Amino acid sequence: MEVGPLAVITGGSSGIGLALARRLAVSGWTLALVARDAGRLEAAAAELPATTTTHPCDVGDPAELAALAATLTARSDGRIGLLVCNAGMPGGAGALDVTPERARRVMDVNYHGMVGLTRLLWPSLVTAHGRVVNVCSVAGTVALASSAPYAASKHAAVAWSRALAVAAPRDGVRVLTVNPGPVPTPGFPQTALVRHRLWRHATVTADDCAAAIERAIVRDRREIFVPPFWRLAGVLQALAPGTVARLAATRPGRGADR
């Protein structure tokens, strides 16, 4: 049985999740990494200088999510100090070519998984006076036709995370909403952006994003954009949607999948 508050990280086998796990490991946290690929989870855990358990799980599957929550609750003695909801999948389609099945799947992973695991682990978070970190996306603040299912799922995630941040303090839990710009990771390579002479400056590394999250936790922030200039995207979307549409049309690649 793991003793003391535990940090649970979904999408913990690579990218932002693993980068944050590395930072938490040297800060003395006990870690539970969650992802679909058992092999990649084991490889990630092997490099971390902290007590780490691995939990293969498809967060878009309610049955797997319930089993995961039961395991984590038992192993943490009902005390979870940090839940990082970072698991995500790309949309891989636009507004006019996405299939209903694909749209549901993206929503299940990127939104319903976040909501479901948070609700299942809520009693353990309350007991530990813990914190929830929801890794959403700047795509949750703008609308891009070429990445409609992803953007829709992230809009839902951002809205829910912001609402949770209002409700959670009454139970002694704090919530941080994180909106990264494009982050090149194994699941989201951002190949076209990285190769573009202008748009590559809009990307952020997984480690820089993890560092920003760590700082925001220490400073008890409620919401951050990484890099900070991406906050302007949401403002511009609200004030001048036509301008955002024209800028999006110049962006290489497919949408703003993180």
Foldseek 3Di string as FASTA:
>chain_A
DDEDAAAEFEVCLKFLNLLLQQVVLVVAHAYEYEEQDPVSQVVSVVPGNHHYHYQHAQLLDLVRLLVVLVVVCVNHVLAHAEYELDWAAFLQFFPPPRDPVSLSSRLSRLPVSLVSNCVSSVSNCLVNLHEYEYEAALLLQAAARLRHSNSVSSVNRVVVQLVCQVVVVVSSYHYEYEHEFAECMPRRNCVQQCPDPPSVVRYDYSNQSSVVVVVCVVVRHHYAYVVRVSVVVNVCCVVPVPVNHVVSVPDPDGDGND
